[in-house]
N, C-alpha and C. Protein backbone atom coordinates (compact mmCIF):
# COMPACT_ATOMS: atom_id res chain seq x y z
N MET A 1 9.79 -13.56 10.78
CA MET A 1 8.77 -12.67 10.28
C MET A 1 7.51 -12.72 11.15
N SER A 2 7.25 -13.84 11.80
CA SER A 2 6.04 -13.96 12.60
C SER A 2 6.06 -13.03 13.81
N THR A 3 7.24 -12.58 14.24
CA THR A 3 7.30 -11.63 15.36
C THR A 3 6.71 -10.27 14.96
N LEU A 4 6.61 -10.03 13.66
CA LEU A 4 6.01 -8.78 13.19
C LEU A 4 4.50 -8.78 13.35
N TYR A 5 3.90 -9.92 13.11
CA TYR A 5 2.44 -10.00 13.06
C TYR A 5 1.89 -10.50 14.39
N THR A 6 2.01 -9.67 15.39
CA THR A 6 1.54 -10.02 16.73
C THR A 6 0.00 -9.93 16.78
N THR A 7 -0.56 -10.46 17.82
CA THR A 7 -2.00 -10.37 18.02
C THR A 7 -2.44 -8.91 18.07
N ASP A 8 -1.66 -8.07 18.73
CA ASP A 8 -2.00 -6.64 18.82
C ASP A 8 -2.00 -5.98 17.45
N ILE A 9 -1.01 -6.31 16.61
CA ILE A 9 -0.94 -5.75 15.26
C ILE A 9 -2.14 -6.22 14.45
N LEU A 10 -2.43 -7.51 14.50
CA LEU A 10 -3.55 -8.05 13.73
C LEU A 10 -4.88 -7.45 14.19
N ARG A 11 -5.03 -7.25 15.46
CA ARG A 11 -6.26 -6.62 15.99
C ARG A 11 -6.36 -5.18 15.50
N LEU A 12 -5.27 -4.46 15.59
CA LEU A 12 -5.25 -3.07 15.17
C LEU A 12 -5.55 -2.95 13.67
N ALA A 13 -5.08 -3.90 12.89
CA ALA A 13 -5.28 -3.87 11.44
C ALA A 13 -6.76 -3.92 11.07
N THR A 14 -7.59 -4.38 11.96
CA THR A 14 -9.03 -4.45 11.69
C THR A 14 -9.76 -3.19 12.15
N GLN A 15 -9.04 -2.22 12.67
CA GLN A 15 -9.66 -1.04 13.27
C GLN A 15 -9.36 0.26 12.54
N ILE A 16 -9.21 0.18 11.23
CA ILE A 16 -8.93 1.39 10.44
C ILE A 16 -10.19 2.27 10.40
N PRO A 17 -10.08 3.51 10.83
CA PRO A 17 -11.24 4.41 10.78
C PRO A 17 -11.36 5.08 9.41
N TYR A 18 -12.45 5.76 9.21
CA TYR A 18 -12.68 6.59 8.02
C TYR A 18 -12.61 5.79 6.71
N THR A 19 -13.21 4.63 6.70
CA THR A 19 -13.14 3.80 5.50
C THR A 19 -14.27 4.07 4.51
N ASP A 20 -15.12 5.05 4.79
CA ASP A 20 -16.12 5.47 3.82
C ASP A 20 -15.51 6.54 2.93
N ARG A 21 -15.53 6.31 1.63
CA ARG A 21 -14.99 7.29 0.69
C ARG A 21 -15.86 8.54 0.69
N LEU A 22 -15.27 9.68 0.38
CA LEU A 22 -15.97 10.97 0.39
C LEU A 22 -16.34 11.38 -1.03
N VAL A 23 -17.61 11.68 -1.24
CA VAL A 23 -18.05 12.11 -2.56
C VAL A 23 -17.80 13.61 -2.77
N ASP A 24 -17.59 14.34 -1.68
CA ASP A 24 -17.38 15.78 -1.77
C ASP A 24 -15.94 16.18 -1.48
N ALA A 25 -15.00 15.28 -1.78
CA ALA A 25 -13.59 15.53 -1.45
C ALA A 25 -13.03 16.72 -2.23
N ASP A 26 -12.17 17.48 -1.56
CA ASP A 26 -11.42 18.53 -2.23
C ASP A 26 -10.35 17.91 -3.14
N VAL A 27 -9.75 16.83 -2.67
CA VAL A 27 -8.74 16.11 -3.44
C VAL A 27 -8.86 14.61 -3.16
N THR A 28 -8.41 13.82 -4.12
CA THR A 28 -8.27 12.37 -3.95
C THR A 28 -6.88 12.02 -4.44
N VAL A 29 -6.14 11.30 -3.61
CA VAL A 29 -4.77 10.90 -3.95
C VAL A 29 -4.57 9.43 -3.64
N MET A 30 -3.62 8.84 -4.32
CA MET A 30 -3.28 7.44 -4.09
C MET A 30 -1.76 7.32 -4.00
N ARG A 31 -1.31 6.51 -3.09
CA ARG A 31 0.11 6.19 -2.99
C ARG A 31 0.24 4.68 -2.85
N THR A 32 1.30 4.15 -3.50
CA THR A 32 1.57 2.71 -3.50
C THR A 32 3.01 2.48 -3.08
N SER A 33 3.22 1.48 -2.24
CA SER A 33 4.57 1.09 -1.87
C SER A 33 5.18 0.30 -3.02
N ARG A 34 6.31 0.76 -3.52
CA ARG A 34 6.96 0.09 -4.65
C ARG A 34 7.46 -1.30 -4.29
N VAL A 35 7.81 -1.51 -3.04
CA VAL A 35 8.39 -2.80 -2.64
C VAL A 35 7.34 -3.89 -2.53
N CYS A 36 6.22 -3.58 -1.86
CA CYS A 36 5.26 -4.65 -1.57
C CYS A 36 3.93 -4.50 -2.27
N GLY A 37 3.66 -3.35 -2.89
CA GLY A 37 2.40 -3.15 -3.59
C GLY A 37 1.27 -2.67 -2.72
N SER A 38 1.50 -2.45 -1.43
CA SER A 38 0.45 -1.90 -0.57
C SER A 38 0.01 -0.56 -1.14
N ARG A 39 -1.29 -0.25 -0.97
CA ARG A 39 -1.83 0.97 -1.57
C ARG A 39 -2.86 1.60 -0.63
N ILE A 40 -2.84 2.93 -0.59
CA ILE A 40 -3.87 3.68 0.12
C ILE A 40 -4.38 4.78 -0.80
N ILE A 41 -5.70 4.88 -0.88
CA ILE A 41 -6.35 6.00 -1.55
C ILE A 41 -6.97 6.85 -0.45
N MET A 42 -6.76 8.16 -0.53
CA MET A 42 -7.33 9.07 0.45
C MET A 42 -8.13 10.15 -0.25
N ASP A 43 -9.37 10.31 0.19
CA ASP A 43 -10.18 11.48 -0.16
C ASP A 43 -10.01 12.44 1.01
N ALA A 44 -9.83 13.71 0.71
CA ALA A 44 -9.60 14.69 1.79
C ALA A 44 -10.41 15.96 1.56
N VAL A 45 -10.94 16.47 2.67
CA VAL A 45 -11.61 17.76 2.71
C VAL A 45 -10.81 18.62 3.69
N PHE A 46 -10.54 19.84 3.28
CA PHE A 46 -9.73 20.75 4.10
C PHE A 46 -10.59 21.89 4.63
N GLU A 47 -10.21 22.36 5.81
CA GLU A 47 -10.72 23.61 6.35
C GLU A 47 -9.49 24.47 6.60
N GLY A 48 -9.33 25.47 5.78
CA GLY A 48 -8.13 26.29 5.88
C GLY A 48 -6.90 25.45 5.58
N GLU A 49 -5.97 25.45 6.51
CA GLU A 49 -4.71 24.72 6.34
C GLU A 49 -4.72 23.33 6.98
N CYS A 50 -5.90 22.90 7.45
CA CYS A 50 -6.00 21.63 8.19
C CYS A 50 -6.86 20.61 7.46
N LEU A 51 -6.53 19.35 7.67
CA LEU A 51 -7.40 18.29 7.20
C LEU A 51 -8.66 18.29 8.07
N ALA A 52 -9.82 18.31 7.45
CA ALA A 52 -11.07 18.33 8.21
C ALA A 52 -11.75 16.97 8.20
N ARG A 53 -11.71 16.29 7.05
CA ARG A 53 -12.32 14.97 6.92
C ARG A 53 -11.51 14.15 5.93
N ILE A 54 -11.48 12.84 6.15
CA ILE A 54 -10.81 11.95 5.20
C ILE A 54 -11.66 10.70 5.00
N GLY A 55 -11.48 10.11 3.85
CA GLY A 55 -12.04 8.80 3.53
C GLY A 55 -10.92 7.96 2.97
N LEU A 56 -10.80 6.73 3.44
CA LEU A 56 -9.66 5.88 3.08
C LEU A 56 -10.10 4.59 2.42
N GLU A 57 -9.31 4.15 1.47
CA GLU A 57 -9.38 2.78 0.95
C GLU A 57 -7.97 2.21 1.14
N VAL A 58 -7.84 1.25 2.03
CA VAL A 58 -6.53 0.71 2.39
C VAL A 58 -6.44 -0.73 1.90
N LYS A 59 -5.50 -0.96 1.00
CA LYS A 59 -5.20 -2.30 0.50
C LYS A 59 -3.73 -2.54 0.84
N ALA A 60 -3.49 -3.03 2.03
CA ALA A 60 -2.11 -3.17 2.52
C ALA A 60 -2.01 -4.41 3.40
N CYS A 61 -0.77 -4.78 3.68
CA CYS A 61 -0.52 -5.87 4.62
C CYS A 61 -0.98 -5.43 6.01
N ALA A 62 -1.00 -6.36 6.93
CA ALA A 62 -1.45 -6.06 8.29
C ALA A 62 -0.63 -4.93 8.92
N LEU A 63 0.64 -4.83 8.59
CA LEU A 63 1.47 -3.76 9.16
C LEU A 63 1.05 -2.40 8.62
N GLY A 64 0.81 -2.32 7.33
CA GLY A 64 0.34 -1.07 6.73
C GLY A 64 -1.03 -0.69 7.25
N GLN A 65 -1.88 -1.70 7.44
CA GLN A 65 -3.21 -1.45 7.99
C GLN A 65 -3.11 -0.95 9.43
N ALA A 66 -2.24 -1.56 10.21
CA ALA A 66 -2.06 -1.15 11.61
C ALA A 66 -1.54 0.29 11.68
N SER A 67 -0.59 0.62 10.83
CA SER A 67 -0.07 1.98 10.80
C SER A 67 -1.18 2.97 10.44
N ALA A 68 -2.00 2.63 9.46
CA ALA A 68 -3.12 3.48 9.08
C ALA A 68 -4.10 3.63 10.23
N ALA A 69 -4.34 2.55 10.97
CA ALA A 69 -5.26 2.60 12.10
C ALA A 69 -4.76 3.52 13.20
N VAL A 70 -3.46 3.55 13.41
CA VAL A 70 -2.88 4.43 14.44
C VAL A 70 -2.90 5.89 13.98
N VAL A 71 -2.49 6.14 12.75
CA VAL A 71 -2.26 7.50 12.28
C VAL A 71 -3.53 8.20 11.81
N ALA A 72 -4.41 7.50 11.10
CA ALA A 72 -5.57 8.16 10.49
C ALA A 72 -6.38 9.00 11.46
N PRO A 73 -6.72 8.50 12.65
CA PRO A 73 -7.54 9.35 13.54
C PRO A 73 -6.81 10.60 14.02
N LEU A 74 -5.49 10.60 13.94
CA LEU A 74 -4.71 11.76 14.39
C LEU A 74 -4.66 12.86 13.34
N LEU A 75 -4.94 12.51 12.09
CA LEU A 75 -4.79 13.45 10.98
C LEU A 75 -5.81 14.58 10.99
N ILE A 76 -7.00 14.30 11.51
CA ILE A 76 -8.06 15.29 11.49
C ILE A 76 -7.65 16.50 12.34
N GLY A 77 -7.71 17.67 11.71
CA GLY A 77 -7.33 18.92 12.40
C GLY A 77 -5.85 19.25 12.28
N MET A 78 -5.08 18.38 11.63
CA MET A 78 -3.63 18.64 11.53
C MET A 78 -3.28 19.45 10.29
N LYS A 79 -2.21 20.21 10.44
CA LYS A 79 -1.60 20.93 9.33
C LYS A 79 -0.52 20.05 8.72
N GLU A 80 -0.12 20.40 7.51
CA GLU A 80 0.89 19.65 6.79
C GLU A 80 2.18 19.53 7.60
N ALA A 81 2.61 20.61 8.22
CA ALA A 81 3.87 20.58 8.98
C ALA A 81 3.83 19.59 10.14
N ASP A 82 2.67 19.47 10.78
CA ASP A 82 2.53 18.52 11.89
C ASP A 82 2.65 17.08 11.41
N ILE A 83 2.02 16.80 10.27
CA ILE A 83 2.08 15.46 9.69
C ILE A 83 3.49 15.15 9.22
N LEU A 84 4.13 16.12 8.60
CA LEU A 84 5.51 15.94 8.14
C LEU A 84 6.44 15.65 9.31
N ALA A 85 6.25 16.35 10.41
CA ALA A 85 7.08 16.10 11.60
C ALA A 85 6.89 14.67 12.10
N GLY A 86 5.65 14.21 12.14
CA GLY A 86 5.37 12.83 12.56
C GLY A 86 5.99 11.82 11.61
N ALA A 87 5.89 12.11 10.31
CA ALA A 87 6.48 11.21 9.30
C ALA A 87 8.00 11.15 9.46
N ASN A 88 8.61 12.31 9.67
CA ASN A 88 10.07 12.35 9.83
C ASN A 88 10.51 11.60 11.09
N ASP A 89 9.77 11.78 12.17
CA ASP A 89 10.09 11.06 13.42
C ASP A 89 9.95 9.56 13.24
N PHE A 90 8.88 9.12 12.58
CA PHE A 90 8.65 7.70 12.37
C PHE A 90 9.71 7.11 11.45
N SER A 91 10.05 7.83 10.39
CA SER A 91 11.10 7.38 9.48
C SER A 91 12.44 7.27 10.20
N ALA A 92 12.74 8.23 11.06
CA ALA A 92 13.99 8.19 11.84
C ALA A 92 13.98 7.00 12.79
N MET A 93 12.83 6.68 13.37
CA MET A 93 12.72 5.51 14.23
C MET A 93 13.03 4.24 13.44
N LEU A 94 12.46 4.15 12.25
CA LEU A 94 12.63 2.95 11.43
C LEU A 94 14.04 2.82 10.87
N ASN A 95 14.61 3.93 10.43
CA ASN A 95 15.86 3.87 9.66
C ASN A 95 17.12 4.26 10.42
N GLN A 96 16.98 5.01 11.51
CA GLN A 96 18.16 5.53 12.17
C GLN A 96 18.24 5.17 13.65
N GLY A 97 17.34 4.31 14.09
CA GLY A 97 17.37 3.91 15.50
C GLY A 97 16.91 4.98 16.46
N ALA A 98 16.22 5.99 15.94
CA ALA A 98 15.71 7.06 16.79
C ALA A 98 14.60 6.52 17.70
N PRO A 99 14.28 7.27 18.74
CA PRO A 99 13.20 6.82 19.62
C PRO A 99 11.84 6.88 18.93
N VAL A 100 10.85 6.35 19.60
CA VAL A 100 9.47 6.38 19.13
C VAL A 100 9.07 7.83 18.91
N PRO A 101 8.25 8.10 17.88
CA PRO A 101 7.83 9.48 17.64
C PRO A 101 7.15 10.11 18.86
N LYS A 102 7.27 11.42 18.92
CA LYS A 102 6.63 12.18 20.01
C LYS A 102 5.11 12.14 19.84
N PRO A 103 4.38 12.35 20.95
CA PRO A 103 2.92 12.44 20.84
C PRO A 103 2.54 13.51 19.83
N PRO A 104 1.50 13.29 19.10
CA PRO A 104 0.49 12.26 19.25
C PRO A 104 0.81 10.95 18.53
N PHE A 105 1.96 10.88 17.87
CA PHE A 105 2.29 9.71 17.06
C PHE A 105 2.99 8.60 17.83
N ASP A 106 3.03 8.70 19.13
CA ASP A 106 3.73 7.71 19.94
C ASP A 106 3.08 6.32 19.91
N GLY A 107 1.84 6.24 19.46
CA GLY A 107 1.18 4.93 19.30
C GLY A 107 1.84 4.06 18.26
N LEU A 108 2.70 4.66 17.43
CA LEU A 108 3.44 3.90 16.42
C LEU A 108 4.51 3.00 17.06
N ALA A 109 4.69 3.11 18.36
CA ALA A 109 5.62 2.22 19.07
C ALA A 109 5.25 0.76 18.85
N ILE A 110 3.99 0.49 18.59
CA ILE A 110 3.55 -0.88 18.36
C ILE A 110 4.23 -1.50 17.14
N LEU A 111 4.76 -0.65 16.27
CA LEU A 111 5.42 -1.13 15.05
C LEU A 111 6.94 -1.14 15.18
N ASP A 112 7.44 -1.11 16.38
CA ASP A 112 8.89 -1.06 16.62
C ASP A 112 9.64 -2.19 15.93
N ALA A 113 9.06 -3.38 15.88
CA ALA A 113 9.75 -4.53 15.27
C ALA A 113 9.98 -4.38 13.77
N VAL A 114 9.28 -3.43 13.15
CA VAL A 114 9.43 -3.21 11.71
C VAL A 114 10.81 -2.63 11.38
N ARG A 115 11.47 -2.04 12.36
CA ARG A 115 12.80 -1.46 12.13
C ARG A 115 13.72 -2.42 11.38
N ASP A 116 13.67 -3.68 11.76
CA ASP A 116 14.58 -4.69 11.20
C ASP A 116 14.12 -5.28 9.88
N HIS A 117 13.02 -4.78 9.34
CA HIS A 117 12.45 -5.35 8.11
C HIS A 117 12.21 -4.23 7.09
N LYS A 118 13.30 -3.83 6.43
CA LYS A 118 13.25 -2.69 5.51
C LYS A 118 12.18 -2.83 4.42
N ALA A 119 11.89 -4.07 4.03
CA ALA A 119 10.89 -4.28 2.99
C ALA A 119 9.49 -3.86 3.44
N ARG A 120 9.29 -3.67 4.72
CA ARG A 120 7.99 -3.27 5.26
C ARG A 120 7.90 -1.78 5.57
N HIS A 121 9.02 -1.07 5.48
CA HIS A 121 9.02 0.36 5.79
C HIS A 121 8.06 1.15 4.91
N GLY A 122 8.06 0.85 3.61
CA GLY A 122 7.17 1.58 2.70
C GLY A 122 5.71 1.42 3.06
N SER A 123 5.33 0.23 3.45
CA SER A 123 3.94 -0.03 3.80
C SER A 123 3.51 0.74 5.05
N VAL A 124 4.35 0.77 6.07
CA VAL A 124 3.97 1.46 7.30
C VAL A 124 4.06 2.98 7.18
N MET A 125 4.84 3.46 6.22
CA MET A 125 4.93 4.91 5.99
C MET A 125 3.83 5.42 5.05
N LEU A 126 3.11 4.51 4.44
CA LEU A 126 2.15 4.86 3.39
C LEU A 126 1.07 5.85 3.85
N ILE A 127 0.58 5.72 5.06
CA ILE A 127 -0.46 6.63 5.54
C ILE A 127 0.07 8.06 5.62
N PHE A 128 1.32 8.22 5.99
CA PHE A 128 1.93 9.55 5.98
C PHE A 128 2.11 10.05 4.54
N ASP A 129 2.59 9.16 3.67
CA ASP A 129 2.82 9.54 2.28
C ASP A 129 1.55 10.06 1.61
N VAL A 130 0.45 9.34 1.83
CA VAL A 130 -0.80 9.73 1.18
C VAL A 130 -1.36 11.01 1.79
N ALA A 131 -1.22 11.19 3.09
CA ALA A 131 -1.70 12.42 3.73
C ALA A 131 -0.92 13.63 3.23
N LEU A 132 0.39 13.50 3.14
CA LEU A 132 1.20 14.61 2.64
C LEU A 132 0.91 14.87 1.16
N ALA A 133 0.63 13.82 0.40
CA ALA A 133 0.27 13.98 -1.01
C ALA A 133 -1.03 14.76 -1.15
N ALA A 134 -1.95 14.58 -0.21
CA ALA A 134 -3.21 15.33 -0.25
C ALA A 134 -2.95 16.83 -0.13
N PHE A 135 -2.04 17.21 0.76
CA PHE A 135 -1.69 18.63 0.89
C PHE A 135 -1.02 19.14 -0.38
N GLN A 136 -0.16 18.33 -0.98
CA GLN A 136 0.51 18.74 -2.22
C GLN A 136 -0.50 18.92 -3.34
N GLU A 137 -1.47 18.00 -3.42
CA GLU A 137 -2.50 18.10 -4.46
C GLU A 137 -3.37 19.33 -4.23
N LYS A 138 -3.68 19.61 -2.98
CA LYS A 138 -4.47 20.81 -2.65
C LYS A 138 -3.72 22.06 -3.13
N ALA A 139 -2.42 22.11 -2.88
CA ALA A 139 -1.62 23.26 -3.30
C ALA A 139 -1.59 23.39 -4.83
N ARG A 140 -1.51 22.26 -5.52
CA ARG A 140 -1.50 22.29 -6.99
C ARG A 140 -2.84 22.76 -7.56
N ASN A 141 -3.92 22.42 -6.87
CA ASN A 141 -5.26 22.77 -7.36
C ASN A 141 -5.71 24.16 -6.94
N LYS A 142 -4.87 24.85 -6.18
CA LYS A 142 -5.24 26.18 -5.68
C LYS A 142 -5.44 27.14 -6.87
N PRO A 143 -6.59 27.79 -6.91
CA PRO A 143 -6.83 28.71 -8.03
C PRO A 143 -5.85 29.89 -8.01
N THR A 144 -5.41 30.26 -9.16
CA THR A 144 -4.51 31.41 -9.24
C THR A 144 -5.33 32.68 -9.45
N PRO A 145 -4.95 33.75 -8.77
CA PRO A 145 -5.72 35.02 -8.90
C PRO A 145 -5.55 35.67 -10.25
């Protein structure tokens, strides 16, 4: 298990951006990994179909924190389909031996060793789960004409 928690992972885990919560959020969502209890709360503000600003509260293991540190800065300006594609690529890397996700998510290569530790998959996927949940919540809250 110690091969998972490298110096690079531990360093990255301390570099999560957007840790100030947003008081003017369009939506606030929370997702928790059922296996390990890691949790991320995301406040999100949208501009059209894109994420414009986010605020995060990350209570996760170093792997989940590292994943959040890699992915969170990429989310700004993204549409739901772009995030879903990154999530699918990362999940395929973890579960099916697929290659590292295509840019801009190729920084997730640092988590390659997680492939062999299924109990950690939920934690490293959590940042994608919460971002996609924000889009779903936005769609649910859309006013009907």
